[in-house]
């Protein structure tokens, strides 16, 4: 992920910057009875956590996996003592850590700048975050030939 500056921006910086910008809007800092007394900025913190997870799982990580497939890296690695699964596992772990780090950053910025309260039910919140992480980052890995489909779309100019 270190060589992909755009990926780091969309996963780490964008959710935090969006929270800062949205929090500058006066209407986002006023409690709303329709939201159970919450402010819009309070509601957007979990949304931006999901945004970081979804960006990592659907935009950034598949690009790496497609690149490995297109360049034949996984095939070449099968001739070395390091198994291709090790590289894939490392990428998955890296993207998980970065996405969860972004989640912590969004929660910290929300709390420090806008006074967003921490979750009332922390175990339930962490369980929901874990399940969202599993779906966002790992749910797409089982789709057959997804990497080939994305590579073909790039070649044909449909994506990018």
Protein backbone atom coordinates (compact mmCIF):
# COMPACT_ATOMS: atom_id res chain seq x y z
CA UNK A 1 0.00 0.00 0.00
CA UNK A 2 3.02 2.25 0.46
CA UNK A 3 3.61 2.52 -3.30
CA UNK A 4 0.00 3.44 -3.98
CA UNK A 5 -0.34 7.01 -2.75
CA UNK A 6 -3.84 7.35 -4.18
CA UNK A 7 -4.93 4.25 -2.26
CA UNK A 8 -3.53 5.63 0.98
CA UNK A 9 -5.35 8.90 0.36
CA UNK A 10 -8.75 7.28 -0.31
CA UNK A 11 -8.51 4.84 2.60
CA UNK A 12 -6.79 6.94 5.28
CA UNK A 13 -6.98 10.64 4.48
CA UNK A 14 -10.29 11.02 2.63
CA UNK A 15 -12.65 9.76 5.39
CA UNK A 16 -10.91 11.96 7.96
CA UNK A 17 -10.85 15.02 5.70
CA UNK A 18 -14.50 14.48 4.79
CA UNK A 19 -15.40 14.36 8.50
CA UNK A 20 -13.52 17.61 9.09
CA UNK A 21 -15.22 19.35 6.15
CA UNK A 22 -18.69 18.08 7.03
CA UNK A 23 -18.17 19.07 10.65
CA UNK A 24 -17.50 22.64 9.55
CA UNK A 25 -21.08 22.91 8.33
CA UNK A 26 -23.15 24.54 11.09
CA UNK A 27 -26.16 22.28 10.45
CA UNK A 28 -24.01 19.20 11.08
CA UNK A 29 -23.20 20.40 14.61
CA UNK A 30 -26.80 20.97 15.74
CA UNK A 31 -28.70 18.21 17.56
CA UNK A 32 -31.66 16.91 15.58
CA UNK A 33 -34.73 15.38 17.23
CA UNK A 34 -35.28 13.19 14.14
CA UNK A 35 -31.88 11.59 14.85
CA UNK A 36 -32.68 10.90 18.49
CA UNK A 37 -30.89 14.00 19.68
CA UNK A 38 -27.72 13.21 17.77
CA UNK A 39 -25.96 15.65 15.51
CA UNK A 40 -25.29 14.85 11.87
CA UNK A 41 -21.56 14.75 12.57
CA UNK A 42 -22.24 12.03 15.19
CA UNK A 43 -24.09 9.98 12.59
CA UNK A 44 -21.40 10.38 9.95
CA UNK A 45 -18.55 8.88 11.99
CA UNK A 46 -19.75 5.26 11.51
CA UNK A 47 -20.56 6.02 7.87
CA UNK A 48 -16.99 7.19 7.28
CA UNK A 49 -15.62 4.09 9.01
CA UNK A 50 -17.50 2.01 6.47
CA UNK A 51 -16.27 4.25 3.67
CA UNK A 52 -12.64 3.49 4.61
CA UNK A 53 -13.35 -0.26 4.71
CA UNK A 54 -15.24 -0.25 1.43
CA UNK A 55 -12.58 1.82 -0.36
CA UNK A 56 -9.89 -0.55 0.81
CA UNK A 57 -11.83 -3.69 -0.09
CA UNK A 58 -13.25 -2.62 -3.44
CA UNK A 59 -10.79 -0.12 -4.87
CA UNK A 60 -7.31 -0.51 -3.41
CA UNK A 61 -6.73 -4.17 -2.53
CA UNK A 62 -8.16 -5.61 -5.79
CA UNK A 63 -5.78 -3.39 -7.75
CA UNK A 64 -2.82 -5.00 -6.04
CA UNK A 65 -4.16 -8.49 -6.59
CA UNK A 66 -4.89 -7.78 -10.26
CA UNK A 67 -1.39 -6.38 -10.66
CA UNK A 68 0.14 -9.51 -9.18
CA UNK A 69 -1.88 -11.64 -11.56
CA UNK A 70 -1.16 -9.53 -14.64
CA UNK A 71 2.57 -9.38 -13.95
CA UNK A 72 2.77 -13.11 -13.25
CA UNK A 73 4.20 -12.51 -9.79
CA UNK A 74 2.16 -15.25 -8.14
CA UNK A 75 3.14 -17.77 -10.83
CA UNK A 76 6.84 -16.89 -10.47
CA UNK A 77 6.60 -17.12 -6.68
CA UNK A 78 5.40 -20.69 -6.93
CA UNK A 79 8.98 -21.64 -7.91
CA UNK A 80 10.43 -20.13 -4.72
CA UNK A 81 10.20 -21.32 -1.11
CA UNK A 82 7.79 -18.45 -0.39
CA UNK A 83 4.32 -19.53 -1.36
CA UNK A 84 2.03 -17.12 -3.25
CA UNK A 85 -0.51 -17.50 -0.46
CA UNK A 86 1.98 -15.81 1.89
CA UNK A 87 2.10 -12.71 -0.30
CA UNK A 88 -1.68 -12.63 -0.62
CA UNK A 89 -2.10 -13.06 3.13
CA UNK A 90 0.37 -10.23 3.75
CA UNK A 91 -1.60 -7.93 1.43
CA UNK A 92 -4.88 -8.83 3.12
CA UNK A 93 -3.41 -8.24 6.58
CA UNK A 94 -1.85 -4.94 5.48
CA UNK A 95 -5.10 -3.64 4.04
CA UNK A 96 -7.00 -4.74 7.14
CA UNK A 97 -4.59 -2.93 9.45
CA UNK A 98 -4.64 0.25 7.34
CA UNK A 99 -8.45 0.27 7.12
CA UNK A 100 -8.82 -0.30 10.87
CA UNK A 101 -6.18 2.37 11.50
CA UNK A 102 -8.26 4.75 9.42
CA UNK A 103 -11.29 3.81 11.53
CA UNK A 104 -9.40 4.71 14.70
CA UNK A 105 -8.30 8.00 13.11
CA UNK A 106 -11.87 8.93 12.19
CA UNK A 107 -13.11 8.11 15.70
CA UNK A 108 -10.26 10.10 17.28
CA UNK A 109 -10.76 13.15 15.04
CA UNK A 110 -14.52 13.03 15.60
CA UNK A 111 -14.03 12.90 19.34
CA UNK A 112 -11.25 15.48 19.60
CA UNK A 113 -12.52 18.10 17.16
CA UNK A 114 -16.30 17.72 17.31
CA UNK A 115 -16.87 16.00 20.65
CA UNK A 116 -18.41 12.88 19.11
CA UNK A 117 -19.15 10.49 21.97
CA UNK A 118 -17.58 7.05 21.95
CA UNK A 119 -19.95 4.15 21.29
CA UNK A 120 -22.21 3.36 24.25
CA UNK A 121 -21.99 -0.38 23.62
CA UNK A 122 -18.30 -0.85 22.87
CA UNK A 123 -18.36 -4.67 22.53
CA UNK A 124 -21.29 -4.48 20.11
CA UNK A 125 -19.61 -1.68 18.16
CA UNK A 126 -16.36 -3.64 17.89
CA UNK A 127 -18.27 -6.74 16.76
CA UNK A 128 -20.07 -4.71 14.09
CA UNK A 129 -16.75 -3.21 12.98
CA UNK A 130 -15.19 -6.67 12.79
CA UNK A 131 -18.09 -8.03 10.73
CA UNK A 132 -18.02 -4.99 8.43
CA UNK A 133 -14.27 -5.49 7.97
CA UNK A 134 -14.77 -9.14 7.10
CA UNK A 135 -17.44 -8.33 4.53
CA UNK A 136 -15.70 -5.31 3.01
CA UNK A 137 -12.24 -6.82 2.74
CA UNK A 138 -12.80 -10.56 2.50
CA UNK A 139 -16.27 -10.89 1.03
CA UNK A 140 -15.06 -10.15 -2.48
CA UNK A 141 -12.16 -12.59 -2.48
CA UNK A 142 -14.30 -15.63 -3.17
CA UNK A 143 -15.79 -14.24 -6.37
CA UNK A 144 -14.42 -16.36 -9.20
CA UNK A 145 -12.32 -14.56 -11.78
CA UNK A 146 -12.97 -11.12 -10.30
CA UNK A 147 -9.36 -10.15 -10.91
CA UNK A 148 -9.59 -11.22 -14.54
CA UNK A 149 -12.82 -9.28 -15.00
CA UNK A 150 -11.32 -6.11 -13.51
CA UNK A 151 -8.17 -6.51 -15.64
CA UNK A 152 -10.28 -6.94 -18.77
CA UNK A 153 -12.34 -3.86 -17.89
CA UNK A 154 -9.15 -1.81 -17.52
CA UNK A 155 -7.80 -3.14 -20.83
CA UNK A 156 -11.02 -2.20 -22.62
CA UNK A 157 -11.08 1.26 -21.07
CA UNK A 158 -14.27 0.64 -19.11
CA UNK A 159 -12.55 1.36 -15.78
CA UNK A 160 -9.93 4.08 -15.44
